[in-house]
């Protein structure tokens, strides 16, 4: 069968995405019942990290172990990519040694090129433009707490960043409405808004954007690589902090999510992230189960 990649949510159909969410919850149940499930025995995942991460590394590495396989962690110091080897050459070499490649990097073009030359599945574990793996966990978490997200309204509060872009894709793929509350100079990329903005609306006032919604989501104001902008961003985004006052505009049973790490007192108040509407710990834990469902789906599609 042809190799399947997961670079954005657009690489899977709505039915396939919903099946992954269902499967993730099934795998979660198997683990909690201590059922051994090893469909990927003797399979190996290469994990290429140009951006560090707690949740991404642990979820993929633990997931491969639990599915019977193994994972190799590769930092820029551990590969020739860090010394200027072409991405295409790395893709060709790794394809002859492992069964799938996960990469967490900066430029989205790097992931696209890797997939173009790889003969095994490539998984985007984050780029500056997209974070599709996080969305699998987010949707799984919502479904487990509230049922189907189709027809619901979600508000993204903060920067029009990679998470915001993936939420825009998710809105179309899963059939919900997305309100985007962000400052005018920090809106989503124009090309992504053009391609994936049908179910999304930019509403600069956060209170209006959160009115009567089912889910409120935010992220840090300065992402990795933007540390030098942190002071300026903190001033611009201060009115966009998700706090109890802002959550009061949402439905009384609305959920709150954050992909983590979180900065209490900046993009999120402690009373919200540690409060009763927050499901961030379930969301973080579901990275493991969503990743396992994705690995189980993709790796059997590898060419012989």
C-alpha atoms as a PDB file:
ATOM      1  CA  UNK A   1       0.000   0.000   0.000  1.00  0.00           C
ATOM      2  CA  UNK A   2       1.194   3.588  -0.565  1.00  0.00           C
ATOM      3  CA  UNK A   3       2.875   5.394   2.313  1.00  0.00           C
ATOM      4  CA  UNK A   4       0.624   7.690   4.315  1.00  0.00           C
ATOM      5  CA  UNK A   5       2.020  10.782   6.017  1.00  0.00           C
ATOM      6  CA  UNK A   6       0.568  13.030   8.724  1.00  0.00           C
ATOM      7  CA  UNK A   7       1.841  16.542   8.083  1.00  0.00           C
ATOM      8  CA  UNK A   8      -1.434  18.360   8.763  1.00  0.00           C
ATOM      9  CA  UNK A   9      -4.980  17.327   9.591  1.00  0.00           C
ATOM     10  CA  UNK A  10      -5.716  17.612   5.864  1.00  0.00           C
ATOM     11  CA  UNK A  11      -3.782  14.381   5.245  1.00  0.00           C
ATOM     12  CA  UNK A  12      -6.624  12.348   6.722  1.00  0.00           C
ATOM     13  CA  UNK A  13     -10.312  12.358   5.859  1.00  0.00           C
ATOM     14  CA  UNK A  14     -12.974  13.301   8.384  1.00  0.00           C
ATOM     15  CA  UNK A  15     -13.913   9.626   8.766  1.00  0.00           C
ATOM     16  CA  UNK A  16     -10.279   8.638   9.317  1.00  0.00           C
ATOM     17  CA  UNK A  17      -9.803  11.368  11.914  1.00  0.00           C
ATOM     18  CA  UNK A  18     -12.937  10.376  13.797  1.00  0.00           C
ATOM     19  CA  UNK A  19     -11.827   6.743  13.684  1.00  0.00           C
ATOM     20  CA  UNK A  20      -8.477   7.756  15.171  1.00  0.00           C
ATOM     21  CA  UNK A  21     -10.222   9.561  18.033  1.00  0.00           C
ATOM     22  CA  UNK A  22     -12.338   6.498  18.750  1.00  0.00           C
ATOM     23  CA  UNK A  23      -9.311   4.230  18.544  1.00  0.00           C
ATOM     24  CA  UNK A  24      -7.311   6.458  20.889  1.00  0.00           C
ATOM     25  CA  UNK A  25      -9.958   6.040  23.573  1.00  0.00           C
ATOM     26  CA  UNK A  26     -10.001   2.275  22.971  1.00  0.00           C
ATOM     27  CA  UNK A  27      -6.226   2.088  23.369  1.00  0.00           C
ATOM     28  CA  UNK A  28      -6.508   4.167  26.540  1.00  0.00           C
ATOM     29  CA  UNK A  29      -8.963   1.617  27.916  1.00  0.00           C
ATOM     30  CA  UNK A  30      -6.669  -1.285  26.992  1.00  0.00           C
ATOM     31  CA  UNK A  31      -3.772   0.331  28.831  1.00  0.00           C
ATOM     32  CA  UNK A  32      -5.828   1.018  31.937  1.00  0.00           C
ATOM     33  CA  UNK A  33      -6.925  -2.638  31.971  1.00  0.00           C
ATOM     34  CA  UNK A  34      -3.285  -3.723  31.599  1.00  0.00           C
ATOM     35  CA  UNK A  35      -4.037  -5.493  28.323  1.00  0.00           C
ATOM     36  CA  UNK A  36      -0.889  -6.133  26.293  1.00  0.00           C
ATOM     37  CA  UNK A  37      -1.352  -4.876  22.730  1.00  0.00           C
ATOM     38  CA  UNK A  38       1.760  -5.019  20.548  1.00  0.00           C
ATOM     39  CA  UNK A  39       0.863  -4.609  16.855  1.00  0.00           C
ATOM     40  CA  UNK A  40       4.140  -2.761  16.195  1.00  0.00           C
ATOM     41  CA  UNK A  41       6.481  -5.405  17.586  1.00  0.00           C
ATOM     42  CA  UNK A  42      10.000  -4.937  16.160  1.00  0.00           C
ATOM     43  CA  UNK A  43       8.994  -1.657  14.467  1.00  0.00           C
ATOM     44  CA  UNK A  44      11.193   1.402  15.044  1.00  0.00           C
ATOM     45  CA  UNK A  45      10.319   5.105  15.075  1.00  0.00           C
ATOM     46  CA  UNK A  46      13.004   7.737  14.462  1.00  0.00           C
ATOM     47  CA  UNK A  47      12.226  10.872  16.502  1.00  0.00           C
ATOM     48  CA  UNK A  48      13.966  13.940  15.066  1.00  0.00           C
ATOM     49  CA  UNK A  49      13.860  16.912  17.451  1.00  0.00           C
ATOM     50  CA  UNK A  50      15.034  20.347  16.355  1.00  0.00           C
ATOM     51  CA  UNK A  51      12.617  21.784  18.953  1.00  0.00           C
ATOM     52  CA  UNK A  52      12.527  20.200  22.395  1.00  0.00           C
ATOM     53  CA  UNK A  53       9.338  18.976  24.073  1.00  0.00           C
ATOM     54  CA  UNK A  54       8.285  17.027  27.154  1.00  0.00           C
ATOM     55  CA  UNK A  55       4.902  15.768  25.969  1.00  0.00           C
ATOM     56  CA  UNK A  56       5.909  15.002  22.395  1.00  0.00           C
ATOM     57  CA  UNK A  57       8.967  12.948  23.261  1.00  0.00           C
ATOM     58  CA  UNK A  58       7.401  11.003  26.108  1.00  0.00           C
ATOM     59  CA  UNK A  59       4.125  10.297  24.288  1.00  0.00           C
ATOM     60  CA  UNK A  60       5.787   8.989  21.120  1.00  0.00           C
ATOM     61  CA  UNK A  61       8.544   7.051  22.888  1.00  0.00           C
ATOM     62  CA  UNK A  62       6.254   5.520  25.492  1.00  0.00           C
ATOM     63  CA  UNK A  63       3.660   4.866  22.794  1.00  0.00           C
ATOM     64  CA  UNK A  64       6.071   2.868  20.646  1.00  0.00           C
ATOM     65  CA  UNK A  65       7.234   0.852  23.653  1.00  0.00           C
ATOM     66  CA  UNK A  66       3.656   0.072  24.675  1.00  0.00           C
ATOM     67  CA  UNK A  67       2.813  -0.977  21.106  1.00  0.00           C
ATOM     68  CA  UNK A  68       5.728  -3.420  21.132  1.00  0.00           C
ATOM     69  CA  UNK A  69       8.236  -1.359  19.149  1.00  0.00           C
ATOM     70  CA  UNK A  70      11.023   1.057  19.907  1.00  0.00           C
ATOM     71  CA  UNK A  71      11.987   4.690  19.335  1.00  0.00           C
ATOM     72  CA  UNK A  72      15.287   6.467  18.724  1.00  0.00           C
ATOM     73  CA  UNK A  73      15.669  10.055  19.958  1.00  0.00           C
ATOM     74  CA  UNK A  74      17.695  12.233  17.583  1.00  0.00           C
ATOM     75  CA  UNK A  75      18.609  15.812  18.515  1.00  0.00           C
ATOM     76  CA  UNK A  76      20.448  18.194  16.147  1.00  0.00           C
ATOM     77  CA  UNK A  77      23.669  17.039  17.857  1.00  0.00           C
ATOM     78  CA  UNK A  78      22.833  13.423  17.040  1.00  0.00           C
ATOM     79  CA  UNK A  79      22.237  13.750  13.297  1.00  0.00           C
ATOM     80  CA  UNK A  80      23.986  15.158  10.272  1.00  0.00           C
ATOM     81  CA  UNK A  81      20.975  17.459   9.773  1.00  0.00           C
ATOM     82  CA  UNK A  82      22.573  19.626  12.428  1.00  0.00           C
ATOM     83  CA  UNK A  83      25.711  19.774  10.301  1.00  0.00           C
ATOM     84  CA  UNK A  84      24.019  20.705   7.064  1.00  0.00           C
ATOM     85  CA  UNK A  85      23.121  17.358   5.488  1.00  0.00           C
ATOM     86  CA  UNK A  86      20.248  17.867   3.017  1.00  0.00           C
ATOM     87  CA  UNK A  87      16.820  16.898   4.341  1.00  0.00           C
ATOM     88  CA  UNK A  88      16.284  14.681   1.285  1.00  0.00           C
ATOM     89  CA  UNK A  89      19.422  12.666   2.051  1.00  0.00           C
ATOM     90  CA  UNK A  90      18.408  12.188   5.670  1.00  0.00           C
ATOM     91  CA  UNK A  91      14.964  11.007   4.527  1.00  0.00           C
ATOM     92  CA  UNK A  92      16.472   8.431   2.173  1.00  0.00           C
ATOM     93  CA  UNK A  93      18.853   7.070   4.800  1.00  0.00           C
ATOM     94  CA  UNK A  94      16.346   6.871   7.670  1.00  0.00           C
ATOM     95  CA  UNK A  95      13.788   5.189   5.391  1.00  0.00           C
ATOM     96  CA  UNK A  96      16.181   2.251   5.020  1.00  0.00           C
ATOM     97  CA  UNK A  97      16.605   1.818   8.759  1.00  0.00           C
ATOM     98  CA  UNK A  98      13.322   2.661  10.505  1.00  0.00           C
ATOM     99  CA  UNK A  99       9.591   2.152   9.975  1.00  0.00           C
ATOM    100  CA  UNK A 100       8.445   5.747  10.530  1.00  0.00           C
ATOM    101  CA  UNK A 101       9.916   9.199  11.126  1.00  0.00           C
ATOM    102  CA  UNK A 102       8.565  11.771  13.558  1.00  0.00           C
ATOM    103  CA  UNK A 103       9.979  15.287  13.335  1.00  0.00           C
ATOM    104  CA  UNK A 104       9.511  18.393  15.479  1.00  0.00           C
ATOM    105  CA  UNK A 105      11.083  21.378  13.787  1.00  0.00           C
ATOM    106  CA  UNK A 106      10.745  25.014  12.758  1.00  0.00           C
ATOM    107  CA  UNK A 107      10.001  25.433   9.036  1.00  0.00           C
ATOM    108  CA  UNK A 108       7.024  23.490   7.738  1.00  0.00           C
ATOM    109  CA  UNK A 109       8.850  23.094   4.413  1.00  0.00           C
ATOM    110  CA  UNK A 110      11.340  20.826   6.208  1.00  0.00           C
ATOM    111  CA  UNK A 111       8.588  18.342   7.043  1.00  0.00           C
ATOM    112  CA  UNK A 112       7.166  18.534   3.528  1.00  0.00           C
ATOM    113  CA  UNK A 113      10.570  17.810   1.998  1.00  0.00           C
ATOM    114  CA  UNK A 114      11.218  14.974   4.420  1.00  0.00           C
ATOM    115  CA  UNK A 115       7.931  13.339   3.420  1.00  0.00           C
ATOM    116  CA  UNK A 116       8.651  13.860  -0.278  1.00  0.00           C
ATOM    117  CA  UNK A 117      11.817  11.772  -0.106  1.00  0.00           C
ATOM    118  CA  UNK A 118      10.918   9.287   2.650  1.00  0.00           C
ATOM    119  CA  UNK A 119       9.687   5.778   1.897  1.00  0.00           C
ATOM    120  CA  UNK A 120       8.146   5.462   5.360  1.00  0.00           C
ATOM    121  CA  UNK A 121       5.433   7.518   7.102  1.00  0.00           C
ATOM    122  CA  UNK A 122       6.469  10.976   8.280  1.00  0.00           C
ATOM    123  CA  UNK A 123       4.657  12.534  11.237  1.00  0.00           C
ATOM    124  CA  UNK A 124       4.668  16.266  11.911  1.00  0.00           C
ATOM    125  CA  UNK A 125       5.105  16.605  15.666  1.00  0.00           C
ATOM    126  CA  UNK A 126       5.122  20.419  15.330  1.00  0.00           C
ATOM    127  CA  UNK A 127       6.288  23.086  12.911  1.00  0.00           C
ATOM    128  CA  UNK A 128       5.935  26.843  12.987  1.00  0.00           C
ATOM    129  CA  UNK A 129       2.752  26.479  10.898  1.00  0.00           C
ATOM    130  CA  UNK A 130       0.963  23.383  12.246  1.00  0.00           C
ATOM    131  CA  UNK A 131       0.622  21.136  15.299  1.00  0.00           C
ATOM    132  CA  UNK A 132      -1.768  18.370  14.170  1.00  0.00           C
ATOM    133  CA  UNK A 133      -0.803  15.790  16.796  1.00  0.00           C
ATOM    134  CA  UNK A 134      -1.926  18.127  19.580  1.00  0.00           C
ATOM    135  CA  UNK A 135      -5.301  18.515  17.900  1.00  0.00           C
ATOM    136  CA  UNK A 136      -5.877  14.767  17.971  1.00  0.00           C
ATOM    137  CA  UNK A 137      -5.433  14.828  21.743  1.00  0.00           C
ATOM    138  CA  UNK A 138      -7.588  17.954  22.115  1.00  0.00           C
ATOM    139  CA  UNK A 139     -10.479  16.505  20.143  1.00  0.00           C
ATOM    140  CA  UNK A 140     -10.188  13.191  21.978  1.00  0.00           C
ATOM    141  CA  UNK A 141     -10.372  15.043  25.293  1.00  0.00           C
ATOM    142  CA  UNK A 142     -13.428  17.033  24.276  1.00  0.00           C
ATOM    143  CA  UNK A 143     -15.221  13.911  23.014  1.00  0.00           C
ATOM    144  CA  UNK A 144     -14.471  12.028  26.232  1.00  0.00           C
ATOM    145  CA  UNK A 145     -15.874  14.864  28.374  1.00  0.00           C
ATOM    146  CA  UNK A 146     -18.728  16.219  26.248  1.00  0.00           C
ATOM    147  CA  UNK A 147     -19.378  13.914  23.276  1.00  0.00           C
ATOM    148  CA  UNK A 148     -19.074  14.891  19.632  1.00  0.00           C
ATOM    149  CA  UNK A 149     -17.553  18.296  18.887  1.00  0.00           C
ATOM    150  CA  UNK A 150     -19.461  18.567  15.619  1.00  0.00           C
ATOM    151  CA  UNK A 151     -21.740  21.612  15.644  1.00  0.00           C
ATOM    152  CA  UNK A 152     -20.075  23.113  18.731  1.00  0.00           C
ATOM    153  CA  UNK A 153     -18.336  26.489  18.997  1.00  0.00           C
ATOM    154  CA  UNK A 154     -14.715  26.793  20.066  1.00  0.00           C
ATOM    155  CA  UNK A 155     -12.787  29.968  20.844  1.00  0.00           C
ATOM    156  CA  UNK A 156      -9.063  30.276  20.323  1.00  0.00           C
ATOM    157  CA  UNK A 157      -7.599  33.094  22.425  1.00  0.00           C
ATOM    158  CA  UNK A 158      -4.143  34.505  21.744  1.00  0.00           C
ATOM    159  CA  UNK A 159      -1.615  34.370  18.934  1.00  0.00           C
ATOM    160  CA  UNK A 160      -2.619  33.230  15.440  1.00  0.00           C
ATOM    161  CA  UNK A 161       0.123  30.611  15.631  1.00  0.00           C
ATOM    162  CA  UNK A 162       0.595  26.971  14.628  1.00  0.00           C
ATOM    163  CA  UNK A 163      -1.996  25.778  17.152  1.00  0.00           C
ATOM    164  CA  UNK A 164      -4.480  28.309  15.836  1.00  0.00           C
ATOM    165  CA  UNK A 165      -3.809  27.113  12.270  1.00  0.00           C
ATOM    166  CA  UNK A 166      -4.417  23.501  13.234  1.00  0.00           C
ATOM    167  CA  UNK A 167      -7.608  24.481  15.062  1.00  0.00           C
ATOM    168  CA  UNK A 168      -8.764  26.129  11.818  1.00  0.00           C
ATOM    169  CA  UNK A 169      -8.195  22.863   9.967  1.00  0.00           C
ATOM    170  CA  UNK A 170      -9.884  20.924  12.755  1.00  0.00           C
ATOM    171  CA  UNK A 171     -12.940  23.183  12.534  1.00  0.00           C
ATOM    172  CA  UNK A 172     -13.464  22.093   8.941  1.00  0.00           C
ATOM    173  CA  UNK A 173     -12.443  18.469   9.409  1.00  0.00           C
ATOM    174  CA  UNK A 174     -14.542  17.876  12.540  1.00  0.00           C
ATOM    175  CA  UNK A 175     -17.371  20.281  11.712  1.00  0.00           C
ATOM    176  CA  UNK A 176     -17.294  22.891  14.477  1.00  0.00           C
ATOM    177  CA  UNK A 177     -17.195  26.716  14.457  1.00  0.00           C
ATOM    178  CA  UNK A 178     -14.015  28.477  15.522  1.00  0.00           C
ATOM    179  CA  UNK A 179     -13.817  32.011  16.907  1.00  0.00           C
ATOM    180  CA  UNK A 180     -10.293  33.446  16.845  1.00  0.00           C
ATOM    181  CA  UNK A 181      -9.645  36.160  19.444  1.00  0.00           C
ATOM    182  CA  UNK A 182      -6.312  37.798  18.691  1.00  0.00           C
ATOM    183  CA  UNK A 183      -4.747  41.254  18.348  1.00  0.00           C
ATOM    184  CA  UNK A 184      -4.887  42.692  14.838  1.00  0.00           C
ATOM    185  CA  UNK A 185      -1.176  42.296  14.136  1.00  0.00           C
ATOM    186  CA  UNK A 186      -1.193  38.661  15.287  1.00  0.00           C
ATOM    187  CA  UNK A 187      -3.862  37.087  13.123  1.00  0.00           C
ATOM    188  CA  UNK A 188      -3.432  33.683  11.450  1.00  0.00           C
ATOM    189  CA  UNK A 189      -1.425  33.534   8.229  1.00  0.00           C
ATOM    190  CA  UNK A 190      -3.377  34.863   5.256  1.00  0.00           C
ATOM    191  CA  UNK A 191      -2.800  31.784   3.079  1.00  0.00           C
ATOM    192  CA  UNK A 192      -3.946  29.398   5.807  1.00  0.00           C
ATOM    193  CA  UNK A 193      -6.972  31.581   6.567  1.00  0.00           C
ATOM    194  CA  UNK A 194      -7.822  31.561   2.867  1.00  0.00           C
ATOM    195  CA  UNK A 195      -7.529  27.792   2.559  1.00  0.00           C
ATOM    196  CA  UNK A 196      -8.991  26.745   5.916  1.00  0.00           C
ATOM    197  CA  UNK A 197     -11.027  29.687   7.195  1.00  0.00           C
ATOM    198  CA  UNK A 198     -14.514  28.610   6.110  1.00  0.00           C
ATOM    199  CA  UNK A 199     -15.533  27.604   9.642  1.00  0.00           C
ATOM    200  CA  UNK A 200     -13.460  30.286  11.363  1.00  0.00           C
ATOM    201  CA  UNK A 201     -14.031  33.929  12.241  1.00  0.00           C
ATOM    202  CA  UNK A 202     -11.557  36.459  13.616  1.00  0.00           C
ATOM    203  CA  UNK A 203     -13.125  38.436  16.478  1.00  0.00           C
ATOM    204  CA  UNK A 204     -10.636  40.795  18.058  1.00  0.00           C
ATOM    205  CA  UNK A 205     -12.581  41.331  21.280  1.00  0.00           C
ATOM    206  CA  UNK A 206     -12.001  38.257  23.480  1.00  0.00           C
ATOM    207  CA  UNK A 207     -15.195  38.659  25.507  1.00  0.00           C
ATOM    208  CA  UNK A 208     -17.316  38.721  22.346  1.00  0.00           C
ATOM    209  CA  UNK A 209     -15.397  35.762  20.944  1.00  0.00           C
ATOM    210  CA  UNK A 210     -16.036  33.710  24.101  1.00  0.00           C
ATOM    211  CA  UNK A 211     -19.747  34.455  24.364  1.00  0.00           C
ATOM    212  CA  UNK A 212     -21.749  31.233  24.806  1.00  0.00           C
ATOM    213  CA  UNK A 213     -19.012  28.918  23.475  1.00  0.00           C
ATOM    214  CA  UNK A 214     -18.375  25.279  24.374  1.00  0.00           C
ATOM    215  CA  UNK A 215     -14.583  25.281  24.584  1.00  0.00           C
ATOM    216  CA  UNK A 216     -11.920  27.928  25.206  1.00  0.00           C
ATOM    217  CA  UNK A 217      -8.332  27.220  24.172  1.00  0.00           C
ATOM    218  CA  UNK A 218      -5.126  29.240  24.521  1.00  0.00           C
ATOM    219  CA  UNK A 219      -1.351  28.922  24.252  1.00  0.00           C
ATOM    220  CA  UNK A 220       1.746  30.830  25.336  1.00  0.00           C
ATOM    221  CA  UNK A 221       2.114  34.327  23.921  1.00  0.00           C
ATOM    222  CA  UNK A 222       5.725  33.811  22.775  1.00  0.00           C
ATOM    223  CA  UNK A 223       6.414  30.462  21.151  1.00  0.00           C
ATOM    224  CA  UNK A 224       9.786  28.756  20.867  1.00  0.00           C
ATOM    225  CA  UNK A 225      12.039  30.978  18.794  1.00  0.00           C
ATOM    226  CA  UNK A 226      10.134  34.140  19.772  1.00  0.00           C
ATOM    227  CA  UNK A 227      11.703  34.615  23.193  1.00  0.00           C
ATOM    228  CA  UNK A 228      13.194  37.954  22.142  1.00  0.00           C
ATOM    229  CA  UNK A 229       9.689  39.279  21.514  1.00  0.00           C
ATOM    230  CA  UNK A 230       8.320  38.200  24.890  1.00  0.00           C
ATOM    231  CA  UNK A 231       8.217  41.625  26.580  1.00  0.00           C
ATOM    232  CA  UNK A 232       6.474  43.298  23.643  1.00  0.00           C
ATOM    233  CA  UNK A 233       4.065  40.401  23.243  1.00  0.00           C
ATOM    234  CA  UNK A 234       3.156  40.412  26.934  1.00  0.00           C
ATOM    235  CA  UNK A 235       2.012  44.025  26.623  1.00  0.00           C
ATOM    236  CA  UNK A 236      -0.019  43.396  23.457  1.00  0.00           C
ATOM    237  CA  UNK A 237      -1.642  40.185  24.681  1.00  0.00           C
ATOM    238  CA  UNK A 238      -2.417  41.263  28.258  1.00  0.00           C
ATOM    239  CA  UNK A 239      -6.125  41.870  27.454  1.00  0.00           C
ATOM    240  CA  UNK A 240      -6.264  38.311  26.063  1.00  0.00           C
ATOM    241  CA  UNK A 241      -5.482  36.495  29.284  1.00  0.00           C
ATOM    242  CA  UNK A 242      -7.933  33.640  29.873  1.00  0.00           C
ATOM    243  CA  UNK A 243      -9.180  34.252  33.406  1.00  0.00           C
ATOM    244  CA  UNK A 244     -12.400  33.705  35.343  1.00  0.00           C
ATOM    245  CA  UNK A 245     -13.883  36.932  33.995  1.00  0.00           C
ATOM    246  CA  UNK A 246     -13.331  35.823  30.398  1.00  0.00           C
ATOM    247  CA  UNK A 247     -14.530  32.255  31.025  1.00  0.00           C
ATOM    248  CA  UNK A 248     -17.750  33.668  32.485  1.00  0.00           C
ATOM    249  CA  UNK A 249     -18.765  34.679  28.946  1.00  0.00           C
ATOM    250  CA  UNK A 250     -18.638  31.046  27.798  1.00  0.00           C
ATOM    251  CA  UNK A 251     -21.278  28.429  28.574  1.00  0.00           C
ATOM    252  CA  UNK A 252     -21.412  27.383  32.204  1.00  0.00           C
ATOM    253  CA  UNK A 253     -20.206  23.881  31.259  1.00  0.00           C
ATOM    254  CA  UNK A 254     -17.538  25.104  28.811  1.00  0.00           C
ATOM    255  CA  UNK A 255     -14.165  23.375  28.970  1.00  0.00           C
ATOM    256  CA  UNK A 256     -10.727  24.984  28.998  1.00  0.00           C
ATOM    257  CA  UNK A 257      -7.647  23.584  27.222  1.00  0.00           C
ATOM    258  CA  UNK A 258      -3.991  24.558  26.892  1.00  0.00           C
ATOM    259  CA  UNK A 259      -1.360  22.525  25.014  1.00  0.00           C
ATOM    260  CA  UNK A 260       1.268  23.338  27.692  1.00  0.00           C
ATOM    261  CA  UNK A 261       3.710  24.437  28.970  1.00  0.00           C
ATOM    262  CA  UNK A 262       1.620  27.174  30.586  1.00  0.00           C
ATOM    263  CA  UNK A 263       2.666  30.470  32.144  1.00  0.00           C
ATOM    264  CA  UNK A 264       0.287  31.205  34.985  1.00  0.00           C
ATOM    265  CA  UNK A 265      -0.279  34.921  35.312  1.00  0.00           C
ATOM    266  CA  UNK A 266       0.365  35.515  31.616  1.00  0.00           C
ATOM    267  CA  UNK A 267      -1.861  33.815  29.012  1.00  0.00           C
ATOM    268  CA  UNK A 268      -3.773  31.912  31.694  1.00  0.00           C
ATOM    269  CA  UNK A 269      -4.735  32.594  35.298  1.00  0.00           C
ATOM    270  CA  UNK A 270      -4.053  29.963  37.935  1.00  0.00           C
ATOM    271  CA  UNK A 271      -7.722  29.878  38.944  1.00  0.00           C
ATOM    272  CA  UNK A 272      -8.724  28.744  35.449  1.00  0.00           C
ATOM    273  CA  UNK A 273      -5.992  26.241  34.588  1.00  0.00           C
ATOM    274  CA  UNK A 274      -6.272  24.667  38.038  1.00  0.00           C
ATOM    275  CA  UNK A 275     -10.042  25.051  38.199  1.00  0.00           C
ATOM    276  CA  UNK A 276     -13.011  22.793  37.542  1.00  0.00           C
ATOM    277  CA  UNK A 277     -13.441  23.711  33.873  1.00  0.00           C
ATOM    278  CA  UNK A 278      -9.851  22.871  32.997  1.00  0.00           C
ATOM    279  CA  UNK A 279      -9.143  19.509  31.335  1.00  0.00           C
ATOM    280  CA  UNK A 280      -5.499  20.251  30.513  1.00  0.00           C
ATOM    281  CA  UNK A 281      -4.134  17.222  32.385  1.00  0.00           C
ATOM    282  CA  UNK A 282      -6.453  14.841  30.545  1.00  0.00           C
ATOM    283  CA  UNK A 283      -5.517  16.704  27.354  1.00  0.00           C
ATOM    284  CA  UNK A 284      -1.806  16.213  28.057  1.00  0.00           C
ATOM    285  CA  UNK A 285      -2.271  12.557  28.963  1.00  0.00           C
ATOM    286  CA  UNK A 286      -4.246  11.929  25.811  1.00  0.00           C
ATOM    287  CA  UNK A 287      -1.198  12.832  23.736  1.00  0.00           C
ATOM    288  CA  UNK A 288      -0.007   9.297  24.517  1.00  0.00           C
ATOM    289  CA  UNK A 289      -3.190   7.578  23.382  1.00  0.00           C
ATOM    290  CA  UNK A 290      -3.767   9.763  20.324  1.00  0.00           C
ATOM    291  CA  UNK A 291      -0.146   9.204  19.237  1.00  0.00           C
ATOM    292  CA  UNK A 292      -0.534   5.450  19.680  1.00  0.00           C
ATOM    293  CA  UNK A 293      -3.645   5.450  17.502  1.00  0.00           C
ATOM    294  CA  UNK A 294      -1.789   7.447  14.859  1.00  0.00           C
ATOM    295  CA  UNK A 295       1.260   5.160  14.907  1.00  0.00           C
ATOM    296  CA  UNK A 296      -0.931   2.078  14.719  1.00  0.00           C
ATOM    297  CA  UNK A 297      -2.749   3.582  11.723  1.00  0.00           C
ATOM    298  CA  UNK A 298       0.288   4.796   9.781  1.00  0.00           C
ATOM    299  CA  UNK A 299       3.001   2.208  10.264  1.00  0.00           C
ATOM    300  CA  UNK A 300       1.142  -0.775   8.732  1.00  0.00           C
ATOM    301  CA  UNK A 301       0.915   1.353   5.555  1.00  0.00           C
ATOM    302  CA  UNK A 302       4.694   1.271   5.145  1.00  0.00           C
ATOM    303  CA  UNK A 303       5.936  -0.203   1.867  1.00  0.00           C
ATOM    304  CA  UNK A 304       7.529  -3.648   2.027  1.00  0.00           C
END
